[in-house]
Amino acid sequence: MRAIVLGIGNTILSDEGVGVRAALELQDRYTIPGEVSVVDGGTAGMELLDIIAGVDLLVVLDTVKAGGPAGSIVRLSAEHVPVFFRKKLSPHQIGLCDVLAALEFAGQLPGEVVVLGVEPGTLELGTELTEAVRERVPRLVELAAGELAARGIALQPRALRH
């Protein structure tokens, strides 16, 4: 199995950067096995085509505007992912939707796509996450590790750094 954990977001728009920050924390907290790539997708769009083409599992970490309170965690998979894209819940979904559509057309769509998101508090200019969203980053990391573990890919925790 080949898997990618893709953190997307704009780290200069406050909570918009939660996906990138969660991906970086995943790399800090765990030793990543060779069959898994953790990718800082930033605000990339079609540049991601070659990276995610044909993978077995794509776990997307992102900001998701679903109407809940700031810091709420949202998980979407299977038939709910296309609904996610139609409702325009994520600031990145246009780019990611286009990438997935192009991969589907080319017959290289990921076998499974799971979106793990956090409801933002603000998307204003700033480099820090709001407290409600910052507090959820560890949970987002745990959920991403859990998605991999559920498919037989166990991440090994790194020794705590002091």
C-alpha atoms as a PDB file:
ATOM      1  CA  MET A   1       0.000   0.000   0.000  1.00  0.00           C
ATOM      2  CA  ARG A   2       1.195   3.488  -0.892  1.00  0.00           C
ATOM      3  CA  ALA A   3      -0.254   6.370   1.104  1.00  0.00           C
ATOM      4  CA  ILE A   4       0.102  10.131   1.151  1.00  0.00           C
ATOM      5  CA  VAL A   5      -0.806  12.462   3.973  1.00  0.00           C
ATOM      6  CA  LEU A   6      -1.285  15.841   2.314  1.00  0.00           C
ATOM      7  CA  GLY A   7      -1.359  18.984   4.442  1.00  0.00           C
ATOM      8  CA  ILE A   8      -2.772  21.919   2.545  1.00  0.00           C
ATOM      9  CA  GLY A   9      -3.314  25.517   3.520  1.00  0.00           C
ATOM     10  CA  ASN A  10      -1.971  29.037   3.498  1.00  0.00           C
ATOM     11  CA  THR A  11       0.122  29.586   6.624  1.00  0.00           C
ATOM     12  CA  ILE A  12      -0.171  33.386   6.422  1.00  0.00           C
ATOM     13  CA  LEU A  13      -3.964  33.343   6.766  1.00  0.00           C
ATOM     14  CA  SER A  14      -4.240  32.247  10.410  1.00  0.00           C
ATOM     15  CA  ASP A  15      -6.324  29.050  10.753  1.00  0.00           C
ATOM     16  CA  GLU A  16      -6.091  28.430   7.007  1.00  0.00           C
ATOM     17  CA  GLY A  17      -2.677  26.885   7.680  1.00  0.00           C
ATOM     18  CA  VAL A  18      -3.857  24.128  10.024  1.00  0.00           C
ATOM     19  CA  GLY A  19      -3.420  21.335   7.461  1.00  0.00           C
ATOM     20  CA  VAL A  20       0.212  22.226   6.792  1.00  0.00           C
ATOM     21  CA  ARG A  21       0.943  22.571  10.512  1.00  0.00           C
ATOM     22  CA  ALA A  22      -0.679  19.196  11.252  1.00  0.00           C
ATOM     23  CA  ALA A  23       1.363  17.500   8.509  1.00  0.00           C
ATOM     24  CA  LEU A  24       4.580  18.954   9.947  1.00  0.00           C
ATOM     25  CA  GLU A  25       3.615  17.830  13.460  1.00  0.00           C
ATOM     26  CA  LEU A  26       2.886  14.326  12.136  1.00  0.00           C
ATOM     27  CA  GLN A  27       6.464  14.189  10.839  1.00  0.00           C
ATOM     28  CA  ASP A  28       7.810  15.489  14.161  1.00  0.00           C
ATOM     29  CA  ARG A  29       5.860  13.011  16.293  1.00  0.00           C
ATOM     30  CA  TYR A  30       6.266   9.841  14.216  1.00  0.00           C
ATOM     31  CA  THR A  31       8.830   7.962  12.174  1.00  0.00           C
ATOM     32  CA  ILE A  32       7.245   7.767   8.729  1.00  0.00           C
ATOM     33  CA  PRO A  33       7.665   4.407   6.939  1.00  0.00           C
ATOM     34  CA  GLY A  34       8.763   4.259   3.296  1.00  0.00           C
ATOM     35  CA  GLU A  35       5.303   3.498   1.931  1.00  0.00           C
ATOM     36  CA  VAL A  36       3.948   6.779   3.346  1.00  0.00           C
ATOM     37  CA  SER A  37       4.787  10.273   2.137  1.00  0.00           C
ATOM     38  CA  VAL A  38       3.869  13.330   4.173  1.00  0.00           C
ATOM     39  CA  VAL A  39       3.533  16.266   1.800  1.00  0.00           C
ATOM     40  CA  ASP A  40       3.304  19.985   2.564  1.00  0.00           C
ATOM     41  CA  GLY A  41       0.981  20.899  -0.287  1.00  0.00           C
ATOM     42  CA  GLY A  42       0.692  24.521   0.798  1.00  0.00           C
ATOM     43  CA  THR A  43      -1.624  26.184  -1.693  1.00  0.00           C
ATOM     44  CA  ALA A  44      -0.539  23.998  -4.619  1.00  0.00           C
ATOM     45  CA  GLY A  45      -3.105  22.842  -7.134  1.00  0.00           C
ATOM     46  CA  MET A  46      -2.277  20.982 -10.320  1.00  0.00           C
ATOM     47  CA  GLU A  47       1.342  20.686  -9.144  1.00  0.00           C
ATOM     48  CA  LEU A  48       0.059  17.834  -6.963  1.00  0.00           C
ATOM     49  CA  LEU A  49      -0.970  15.639  -9.925  1.00  0.00           C
ATOM     50  CA  ASP A  50       2.210  13.589 -10.145  1.00  0.00           C
ATOM     51  CA  ILE A  51       2.520  13.376  -6.375  1.00  0.00           C
ATOM     52  CA  ILE A  52      -0.869  11.797  -5.655  1.00  0.00           C
ATOM     53  CA  ALA A  53      -1.468   9.917  -8.927  1.00  0.00           C
ATOM     54  CA  GLY A  54      -2.393   6.308  -8.297  1.00  0.00           C
ATOM     55  CA  VAL A  55      -1.778   6.183  -4.545  1.00  0.00           C
ATOM     56  CA  ASP A  56      -3.838   3.703  -2.558  1.00  0.00           C
ATOM     57  CA  LEU A  57      -4.765   6.180   0.182  1.00  0.00           C
ATOM     58  CA  LEU A  58      -4.810   9.977   0.215  1.00  0.00           C
ATOM     59  CA  VAL A  59      -5.388  11.598   3.607  1.00  0.00           C
ATOM     60  CA  VAL A  60      -5.988  15.337   3.214  1.00  0.00           C
ATOM     61  CA  LEU A  61      -5.471  17.634   6.227  1.00  0.00           C
ATOM     62  CA  ASP A  62      -7.118  21.011   5.711  1.00  0.00           C
ATOM     63  CA  THR A  63      -9.340  23.789   6.955  1.00  0.00           C
ATOM     64  CA  VAL A  64     -12.987  22.824   6.458  1.00  0.00           C
ATOM     65  CA  LYS A  65     -15.813  25.332   6.738  1.00  0.00           C
ATOM     66  CA  ALA A  66     -18.829  23.225   7.644  1.00  0.00           C
ATOM     67  CA  GLY A  67     -20.664  25.720   9.838  1.00  0.00           C
ATOM     68  CA  GLY A  68     -19.603  24.310  13.201  1.00  0.00           C
ATOM     69  CA  PRO A  69     -17.784  26.028  16.043  1.00  0.00           C
ATOM     70  CA  ALA A  70     -14.103  26.879  15.595  1.00  0.00           C
ATOM     71  CA  GLY A  71     -11.956  23.847  16.291  1.00  0.00           C
ATOM     72  CA  SER A  72     -14.604  21.306  15.295  1.00  0.00           C
ATOM     73  CA  ILE A  73     -13.085  18.298  13.533  1.00  0.00           C
ATOM     74  CA  VAL A  74     -14.663  17.110  10.301  1.00  0.00           C
ATOM     75  CA  ARG A  75     -13.978  13.725   8.678  1.00  0.00           C
ATOM     76  CA  LEU A  76     -15.170  13.006   5.162  1.00  0.00           C
ATOM     77  CA  SER A  77     -14.610   9.872   3.115  1.00  0.00           C
ATOM     78  CA  ALA A  78     -15.984   7.744   0.287  1.00  0.00           C
ATOM     79  CA  GLU A  79     -19.240   9.123  -1.100  1.00  0.00           C
ATOM     80  CA  HIS A  80     -19.062  12.228   1.129  1.00  0.00           C
ATOM     81  CA  VAL A  81     -15.879  13.587  -0.466  1.00  0.00           C
ATOM     82  CA  PRO A  82     -17.627  14.627  -3.725  1.00  0.00           C
ATOM     83  CA  VAL A  83     -20.331  16.327  -1.616  1.00  0.00           C
ATOM     84  CA  PHE A  84     -17.562  18.161   0.225  1.00  0.00           C
ATOM     85  CA  PHE A  85     -16.271  19.489  -3.073  1.00  0.00           C
ATOM     86  CA  ARG A  86     -19.709  20.558  -4.331  1.00  0.00           C
ATOM     87  CA  LYS A  87     -20.427  22.532  -1.170  1.00  0.00           C
ATOM     88  CA  LYS A  88     -17.132  24.439  -1.336  1.00  0.00           C
ATOM     89  CA  LEU A  89     -16.264  23.919   2.304  1.00  0.00           C
ATOM     90  CA  SER A  90     -12.511  24.322   1.955  1.00  0.00           C
ATOM     91  CA  PRO A  91     -10.604  27.299   0.595  1.00  0.00           C
ATOM     92  CA  HIS A  92      -8.459  24.769  -1.375  1.00  0.00           C
ATOM     93  CA  GLN A  93     -11.119  22.537  -2.692  1.00  0.00           C
ATOM     94  CA  ILE A  94     -11.226  24.077  -6.160  1.00  0.00           C
ATOM     95  CA  GLY A  95      -7.587  23.169  -6.755  1.00  0.00           C
ATOM     96  CA  LEU A  96      -7.891  19.771  -5.108  1.00  0.00           C
ATOM     97  CA  CYS A  97     -11.184  19.067  -6.867  1.00  0.00           C
ATOM     98  CA  ASP A  98      -9.543  19.857 -10.209  1.00  0.00           C
ATOM     99  CA  VAL A  99      -6.593  17.608  -9.356  1.00  0.00           C
ATOM    100  CA  LEU A 100      -8.884  14.701  -8.412  1.00  0.00           C
ATOM    101  CA  ALA A 101     -10.981  15.211 -11.559  1.00  0.00           C
ATOM    102  CA  ALA A 102      -7.854  15.194 -13.740  1.00  0.00           C
ATOM    103  CA  LEU A 103      -6.610  12.028 -12.011  1.00  0.00           C
ATOM    104  CA  GLU A 104      -9.977  10.360 -12.502  1.00  0.00           C
ATOM    105  CA  PHE A 105      -9.895  11.245 -16.197  1.00  0.00           C
ATOM    106  CA  ALA A 106      -6.385   9.756 -16.459  1.00  0.00           C
ATOM    107  CA  GLY A 107      -7.431   6.613 -14.568  1.00  0.00           C
ATOM    108  CA  GLN A 108      -5.054   7.441 -11.697  1.00  0.00           C
ATOM    109  CA  LEU A 109      -7.482   8.487  -8.974  1.00  0.00           C
ATOM    110  CA  PRO A 110      -6.338   7.516  -5.456  1.00  0.00           C
ATOM    111  CA  GLY A 111      -7.949   4.279  -4.285  1.00  0.00           C
ATOM    112  CA  GLU A 112      -9.372   6.052  -1.254  1.00  0.00           C
ATOM    113  CA  VAL A 113      -9.572   9.697  -0.200  1.00  0.00           C
ATOM    114  CA  VAL A 114     -10.162  10.792   3.390  1.00  0.00           C
ATOM    115  CA  VAL A 115     -10.442  14.466   4.333  1.00  0.00           C
ATOM    116  CA  LEU A 116      -9.663  15.422   7.926  1.00  0.00           C
ATOM    117  CA  GLY A 117     -10.397  19.050   8.608  1.00  0.00           C
ATOM    118  CA  VAL A 118     -10.745  21.626  11.326  1.00  0.00           C
ATOM    119  CA  GLU A 119     -13.360  24.371  11.377  1.00  0.00           C
ATOM    120  CA  PRO A 120     -11.493  27.710  11.356  1.00  0.00           C
ATOM    121  CA  GLY A 121     -11.960  30.565  13.790  1.00  0.00           C
ATOM    122  CA  THR A 122     -10.516  33.164  11.433  1.00  0.00           C
ATOM    123  CA  LEU A 123      -8.919  33.298   8.007  1.00  0.00           C
ATOM    124  CA  GLU A 124      -7.526  36.804   8.465  1.00  0.00           C
ATOM    125  CA  LEU A 125      -3.926  37.705   7.702  1.00  0.00           C
ATOM    126  CA  GLY A 126      -1.671  36.286  10.405  1.00  0.00           C
ATOM    127  CA  THR A 127       0.846  33.518  10.943  1.00  0.00           C
ATOM    128  CA  GLU A 128      -0.580  32.053  14.162  1.00  0.00           C
ATOM    129  CA  LEU A 129      -3.487  29.640  14.572  1.00  0.00           C
ATOM    130  CA  THR A 130      -6.281  30.691  16.899  1.00  0.00           C
ATOM    131  CA  GLU A 131      -6.311  28.891  20.251  1.00  0.00           C
ATOM    132  CA  ALA A 132      -9.365  26.764  19.362  1.00  0.00           C
ATOM    133  CA  VAL A 133      -7.699  25.492  16.180  1.00  0.00           C
ATOM    134  CA  ARG A 134      -4.179  25.172  17.627  1.00  0.00           C
ATOM    135  CA  GLU A 135      -5.550  22.924  20.382  1.00  0.00           C
ATOM    136  CA  ARG A 136      -6.978  20.560  17.742  1.00  0.00           C
ATOM    137  CA  VAL A 137      -3.731  20.004  15.802  1.00  0.00           C
ATOM    138  CA  PRO A 138      -2.622  17.068  18.018  1.00  0.00           C
ATOM    139  CA  ARG A 139      -6.024  15.427  17.525  1.00  0.00           C
ATOM    140  CA  LEU A 140      -5.799  15.923  13.756  1.00  0.00           C
ATOM    141  CA  VAL A 141      -2.373  14.241  13.836  1.00  0.00           C
ATOM    142  CA  GLU A 142      -3.785  11.320  15.863  1.00  0.00           C
ATOM    143  CA  LEU A 143      -6.651  10.930  13.403  1.00  0.00           C
ATOM    144  CA  ALA A 144      -4.266  10.877  10.435  1.00  0.00           C
ATOM    145  CA  ALA A 145      -2.120   8.242  12.174  1.00  0.00           C
ATOM    146  CA  GLY A 146      -5.319   6.307  12.921  1.00  0.00           C
ATOM    147  CA  GLU A 147      -6.369   6.324   9.268  1.00  0.00           C
ATOM    148  CA  LEU A 148      -3.016   4.783   8.361  1.00  0.00           C
ATOM    149  CA  ALA A 149      -3.159   2.274  11.234  1.00  0.00           C
ATOM    150  CA  ALA A 150      -6.642   1.163  10.172  1.00  0.00           C
ATOM    151  CA  ARG A 151      -5.093   0.121   6.861  1.00  0.00           C
ATOM    152  CA  GLY A 152      -2.162  -1.733   8.391  1.00  0.00           C
ATOM    153  CA  ILE A 153       0.398   1.084   8.412  1.00  0.00           C
ATOM    154  CA  ALA A 154       1.545   1.645  11.975  1.00  0.00           C
ATOM    155  CA  LEU A 155       3.542   4.791  12.625  1.00  0.00           C
ATOM    156  CA  GLN A 156       6.193   4.572  15.329  1.00  0.00           C
ATOM    157  CA  PRO A 157       6.221   7.452  17.832  1.00  0.00           C
ATOM    158  CA  ARG A 158       9.501   9.325  18.018  1.00  0.00           C
ATOM    159  CA  ALA A 159      11.185   9.829  21.381  1.00  0.00           C
ATOM    160  CA  LEU A 160      10.020  13.049  22.990  1.00  0.00           C
ATOM    161  CA  ARG A 161      12.431  15.915  22.486  1.00  0.00           C
ATOM    162  CA  HIS A 162      13.250  18.135  25.442  1.00  0.00           C
END
